[in-house]
N, C-alpha and C. Protein backbone atom coordinates (compact mmCIF):
# COMPACT_ATOMS: atom_id res chain seq x y z
N MET A 1 8.47 177.53 -36.05
CA MET A 1 9.41 177.67 -34.94
C MET A 1 8.69 177.29 -33.66
N ARG A 2 9.31 176.40 -32.87
CA ARG A 2 8.72 176.00 -31.61
C ARG A 2 8.86 177.12 -30.59
N ASN A 3 7.98 177.08 -29.58
CA ASN A 3 7.97 178.11 -28.55
C ASN A 3 9.30 178.20 -27.81
N ASP A 4 9.96 177.04 -27.56
CA ASP A 4 11.21 177.09 -26.80
C ASP A 4 12.38 177.60 -27.65
N GLU A 5 12.14 177.84 -28.94
CA GLU A 5 13.19 178.40 -29.79
C GLU A 5 12.95 179.89 -30.07
N THR A 6 11.84 180.43 -29.59
CA THR A 6 11.51 181.81 -29.84
C THR A 6 12.23 182.70 -28.83
N PRO A 7 13.11 183.60 -29.30
CA PRO A 7 13.82 184.46 -28.35
C PRO A 7 12.89 185.45 -27.69
N GLY A 8 13.10 185.67 -26.39
CA GLY A 8 12.36 186.69 -25.68
C GLY A 8 10.99 186.25 -25.21
N VAL A 9 10.58 185.02 -25.44
CA VAL A 9 9.27 184.56 -25.02
C VAL A 9 9.40 183.92 -23.64
N ASP A 10 8.49 184.29 -22.73
CA ASP A 10 8.50 183.69 -21.40
C ASP A 10 8.05 182.25 -21.50
N LEU A 11 8.88 181.34 -21.03
CA LEU A 11 8.57 179.92 -21.07
C LEU A 11 8.13 179.47 -19.69
N PRO A 12 7.15 178.57 -19.62
CA PRO A 12 6.73 178.08 -18.31
C PRO A 12 7.91 177.43 -17.60
N GLY A 13 8.13 177.80 -16.36
CA GLY A 13 9.21 177.23 -15.59
C GLY A 13 10.55 177.89 -15.81
N ALA A 14 10.63 178.83 -16.77
CA ALA A 14 11.90 179.52 -17.03
C ALA A 14 12.15 180.53 -15.91
N PRO A 15 13.42 180.79 -15.59
CA PRO A 15 13.70 181.73 -14.52
C PRO A 15 13.34 183.15 -14.91
N ASN A 16 13.10 183.96 -13.93
CA ASN A 16 12.82 185.36 -14.15
C ASN A 16 14.07 186.01 -14.71
N THR A 17 13.94 186.78 -15.79
CA THR A 17 15.12 187.38 -16.41
C THR A 17 15.79 188.40 -15.51
N SER A 18 15.07 188.90 -14.50
CA SER A 18 15.69 189.86 -13.60
C SER A 18 16.74 189.20 -12.71
N GLN A 19 16.72 187.85 -12.64
CA GLN A 19 17.71 187.12 -11.85
C GLN A 19 19.04 187.02 -12.59
N LEU A 20 19.02 187.24 -13.88
CA LEU A 20 20.23 187.09 -14.69
C LEU A 20 20.90 188.44 -14.88
N ALA A 21 22.17 188.40 -15.20
CA ALA A 21 22.91 189.63 -15.42
C ALA A 21 22.31 190.36 -16.62
N PRO A 22 22.07 191.67 -16.51
CA PRO A 22 21.48 192.40 -17.63
C PRO A 22 22.46 192.44 -18.81
N THR A 23 22.00 191.95 -19.95
CA THR A 23 22.84 191.96 -21.15
C THR A 23 22.15 192.66 -22.29
N SER A 24 20.98 193.25 -22.03
CA SER A 24 20.28 193.95 -23.09
C SER A 24 19.58 195.17 -22.52
N VAL A 25 19.17 196.06 -23.40
CA VAL A 25 18.46 197.27 -23.00
C VAL A 25 16.99 196.92 -22.81
N SER A 26 16.37 197.47 -21.80
CA SER A 26 14.96 197.20 -21.53
C SER A 26 14.12 197.56 -22.74
N GLY A 27 13.20 196.69 -23.10
CA GLY A 27 12.33 196.93 -24.25
C GLY A 27 12.89 196.41 -25.55
N LYS A 28 14.10 195.92 -25.54
CA LYS A 28 14.73 195.37 -26.74
C LYS A 28 14.80 193.86 -26.62
N TRP A 29 15.00 193.20 -27.74
CA TRP A 29 15.18 191.75 -27.72
C TRP A 29 16.45 191.43 -26.95
N PRO A 30 16.43 190.37 -26.12
CA PRO A 30 17.65 190.01 -25.40
C PRO A 30 18.72 189.53 -26.37
N THR A 31 19.95 189.62 -25.93
CA THR A 31 21.05 189.17 -26.77
C THR A 31 21.07 187.65 -26.83
N ALA A 32 21.75 187.11 -27.79
CA ALA A 32 21.79 185.66 -27.98
C ALA A 32 22.29 184.90 -26.76
N PRO A 33 23.36 185.36 -26.08
CA PRO A 33 23.80 184.61 -24.89
C PRO A 33 22.72 184.53 -23.82
N LEU A 34 21.94 185.59 -23.64
CA LEU A 34 20.86 185.58 -22.65
C LEU A 34 19.80 184.56 -23.04
N CYS A 35 19.42 184.52 -24.31
CA CYS A 35 18.43 183.54 -24.78
C CYS A 35 18.95 182.13 -24.56
N ASP A 36 20.21 181.89 -24.90
CA ASP A 36 20.79 180.56 -24.70
C ASP A 36 20.80 180.18 -23.22
N GLU A 37 21.12 181.14 -22.37
CA GLU A 37 21.16 180.88 -20.94
C GLU A 37 19.75 180.56 -20.42
N LEU A 38 18.76 181.29 -20.88
CA LEU A 38 17.38 181.03 -20.47
C LEU A 38 16.90 179.67 -20.94
N LEU A 39 17.20 179.34 -22.19
CA LEU A 39 16.78 178.04 -22.72
C LEU A 39 17.46 176.90 -21.98
N GLU A 40 18.73 177.05 -21.70
CA GLU A 40 19.46 176.01 -20.97
C GLU A 40 18.87 175.84 -19.57
N SER A 41 18.57 176.94 -18.90
CA SER A 41 17.98 176.88 -17.58
C SER A 41 16.60 176.23 -17.63
N TYR A 42 15.79 176.59 -18.62
CA TYR A 42 14.46 176.00 -18.78
C TYR A 42 14.57 174.50 -19.01
N ARG A 43 15.48 174.09 -19.86
CA ARG A 43 15.62 172.66 -20.16
C ARG A 43 16.10 171.88 -18.94
N ARG A 44 17.01 172.45 -18.14
CA ARG A 44 17.44 171.79 -16.91
C ARG A 44 16.28 171.61 -15.94
N GLU A 45 15.51 172.68 -15.76
CA GLU A 45 14.36 172.62 -14.86
C GLU A 45 13.32 171.62 -15.35
N ARG A 46 13.08 171.59 -16.65
CA ARG A 46 12.11 170.65 -17.23
C ARG A 46 12.59 169.21 -17.04
N ALA A 47 13.86 168.95 -17.24
CA ALA A 47 14.41 167.61 -17.05
C ALA A 47 14.28 167.18 -15.59
N ARG A 48 14.57 168.10 -14.66
CA ARG A 48 14.43 167.79 -13.24
C ARG A 48 12.97 167.45 -12.91
N HIS A 49 12.06 168.22 -13.47
CA HIS A 49 10.63 167.98 -13.25
C HIS A 49 10.23 166.60 -13.79
N GLU A 50 10.67 166.26 -14.98
CA GLU A 50 10.31 164.98 -15.59
C GLU A 50 10.86 163.80 -14.77
N ILE A 51 12.09 163.91 -14.30
CA ILE A 51 12.68 162.84 -13.50
C ILE A 51 11.91 162.66 -12.19
N THR A 52 11.60 163.77 -11.53
CA THR A 52 10.87 163.71 -10.27
C THR A 52 9.47 163.16 -10.48
N PHE A 53 8.80 163.65 -11.50
CA PHE A 53 7.43 163.21 -11.78
C PHE A 53 7.40 161.72 -12.14
N ALA A 54 8.40 161.25 -12.86
CA ALA A 54 8.48 159.83 -13.20
C ALA A 54 8.65 158.98 -11.94
N SER A 55 9.39 159.48 -10.98
CA SER A 55 9.56 158.78 -9.72
C SER A 55 8.24 158.66 -8.97
N VAL A 56 7.48 159.75 -8.92
CA VAL A 56 6.18 159.73 -8.26
C VAL A 56 5.25 158.77 -8.99
N ARG A 57 5.23 158.83 -10.32
CA ARG A 57 4.39 157.94 -11.11
C ARG A 57 4.74 156.47 -10.83
N ALA A 58 6.03 156.17 -10.75
CA ALA A 58 6.46 154.79 -10.50
C ALA A 58 5.94 154.30 -9.15
N GLU A 59 6.01 155.15 -8.13
CA GLU A 59 5.50 154.74 -6.82
C GLU A 59 3.99 154.55 -6.86
N LEU A 60 3.29 155.42 -7.55
CA LEU A 60 1.83 155.27 -7.65
C LEU A 60 1.46 153.98 -8.40
N GLU A 61 2.22 153.65 -9.44
CA GLU A 61 1.94 152.44 -10.22
C GLU A 61 2.21 151.17 -9.42
N GLU A 62 3.02 151.24 -8.38
CA GLU A 62 3.31 150.08 -7.54
C GLU A 62 2.16 149.74 -6.60
N GLN A 63 1.23 150.66 -6.42
CA GLN A 63 0.14 150.44 -5.47
C GLN A 63 -0.86 149.44 -6.06
N PRO A 64 -1.33 148.50 -5.24
CA PRO A 64 -2.17 147.42 -5.76
C PRO A 64 -3.64 147.77 -5.98
N SER A 65 -4.13 148.88 -5.43
CA SER A 65 -5.55 149.19 -5.62
C SER A 65 -5.74 150.68 -5.85
N GLU A 66 -6.93 151.01 -6.34
CA GLU A 66 -7.25 152.42 -6.61
C GLU A 66 -7.21 153.25 -5.32
N ASN A 67 -7.73 152.69 -4.25
CA ASN A 67 -7.72 153.43 -2.97
C ASN A 67 -6.31 153.70 -2.47
N LEU A 68 -5.43 152.71 -2.62
CA LEU A 68 -4.05 152.91 -2.19
C LEU A 68 -3.32 153.90 -3.09
N ILE A 69 -3.66 153.91 -4.38
CA ILE A 69 -3.08 154.90 -5.29
C ILE A 69 -3.48 156.30 -4.83
N ARG A 70 -4.75 156.49 -4.53
CA ARG A 70 -5.22 157.80 -4.08
C ARG A 70 -4.58 158.19 -2.74
N ALA A 71 -4.47 157.25 -1.83
CA ALA A 71 -3.86 157.54 -0.52
C ALA A 71 -2.39 157.93 -0.70
N CYS A 72 -1.69 157.22 -1.55
CA CYS A 72 -0.28 157.53 -1.82
C CYS A 72 -0.15 158.92 -2.45
N ALA A 73 -1.05 159.24 -3.37
CA ALA A 73 -1.03 160.56 -4.01
C ALA A 73 -1.28 161.66 -2.98
N ARG A 74 -2.21 161.41 -2.07
CA ARG A 74 -2.48 162.40 -1.02
C ARG A 74 -1.26 162.60 -0.12
N ARG A 75 -0.54 161.51 0.18
CA ARG A 75 0.68 161.65 0.99
C ARG A 75 1.72 162.48 0.25
N TRP A 76 1.89 162.23 -1.06
CA TRP A 76 2.83 163.03 -1.84
C TRP A 76 2.44 164.50 -1.81
N CYS A 77 1.16 164.77 -2.02
CA CYS A 77 0.69 166.17 -2.01
C CYS A 77 0.95 166.83 -0.66
N ALA A 78 0.64 166.10 0.42
CA ALA A 78 0.85 166.65 1.76
C ALA A 78 2.33 166.90 2.02
N ASP A 79 3.18 165.97 1.60
CA ASP A 79 4.63 166.14 1.81
C ASP A 79 5.17 167.34 1.02
N ILE A 80 4.72 167.49 -0.21
CA ILE A 80 5.18 168.61 -1.04
C ILE A 80 4.69 169.93 -0.46
N THR A 81 3.43 169.97 -0.01
CA THR A 81 2.89 171.19 0.58
C THR A 81 3.64 171.54 1.87
N ALA A 82 3.92 170.54 2.70
CA ALA A 82 4.67 170.79 3.93
C ALA A 82 6.08 171.31 3.62
N LEU A 83 6.71 170.75 2.61
CA LEU A 83 8.03 171.22 2.22
C LEU A 83 7.97 172.66 1.74
N ALA A 84 6.99 172.99 0.92
CA ALA A 84 6.84 174.36 0.43
C ALA A 84 6.61 175.33 1.58
N GLU A 85 5.78 174.94 2.53
CA GLU A 85 5.53 175.80 3.69
C GLU A 85 6.80 176.04 4.50
N SER A 86 7.58 174.99 4.72
CA SER A 86 8.82 175.17 5.50
C SER A 86 9.82 176.04 4.74
N LEU A 87 9.86 175.90 3.42
CA LEU A 87 10.78 176.74 2.63
C LEU A 87 10.34 178.20 2.62
N THR A 88 9.03 178.44 2.54
CA THR A 88 8.58 179.83 2.56
C THR A 88 8.82 180.47 3.91
N LYS A 89 8.65 179.70 4.98
CA LYS A 89 8.95 180.24 6.32
C LYS A 89 10.43 180.53 6.47
N ALA A 90 11.27 179.67 5.91
CA ALA A 90 12.72 179.88 6.00
C ALA A 90 13.16 181.11 5.23
N THR A 91 12.52 181.38 4.09
CA THR A 91 12.92 182.55 3.30
C THR A 91 12.41 183.84 3.91
N LYS A 92 11.32 183.76 4.70
CA LYS A 92 10.79 184.96 5.34
C LYS A 92 11.44 185.26 6.68
N SER A 93 12.15 184.29 7.26
CA SER A 93 12.75 184.50 8.57
C SER A 93 13.92 185.46 8.46
N PRO A 94 14.15 186.26 9.52
CA PRO A 94 15.26 187.22 9.49
C PRO A 94 16.63 186.54 9.37
N GLU A 95 16.72 185.30 9.85
CA GLU A 95 17.98 184.59 9.76
C GLU A 95 18.35 184.27 8.32
N ALA A 96 17.35 184.13 7.45
CA ALA A 96 17.61 183.82 6.05
C ALA A 96 18.24 185.01 5.33
N ASP A 97 18.02 186.23 5.83
CA ASP A 97 18.58 187.43 5.20
C ASP A 97 20.07 187.56 5.43
N GLU A 98 20.58 186.88 6.44
CA GLU A 98 22.01 187.03 6.78
C GLU A 98 22.87 186.13 5.96
């Protein structure tokens, strides 16, 4: 049995089960609908990651030299880090609570 078919196993990138409506008793195996919902969510997130990563890879492959590949990768990293910082600031701001 593959890991993504194992009920109740935390999968990388899967949402926290506390975000979902409680459908099982704590300490017990989750019900089948909860497992299906988690697997579907994990697969959507994984597909989004693969599409995004393929886009980044395509841009890196377009660069004509090793130095330009590295420079492009650094720009991607900086842009992603800046985006993460702005999102964390937005979630911590009092306006985000309203």
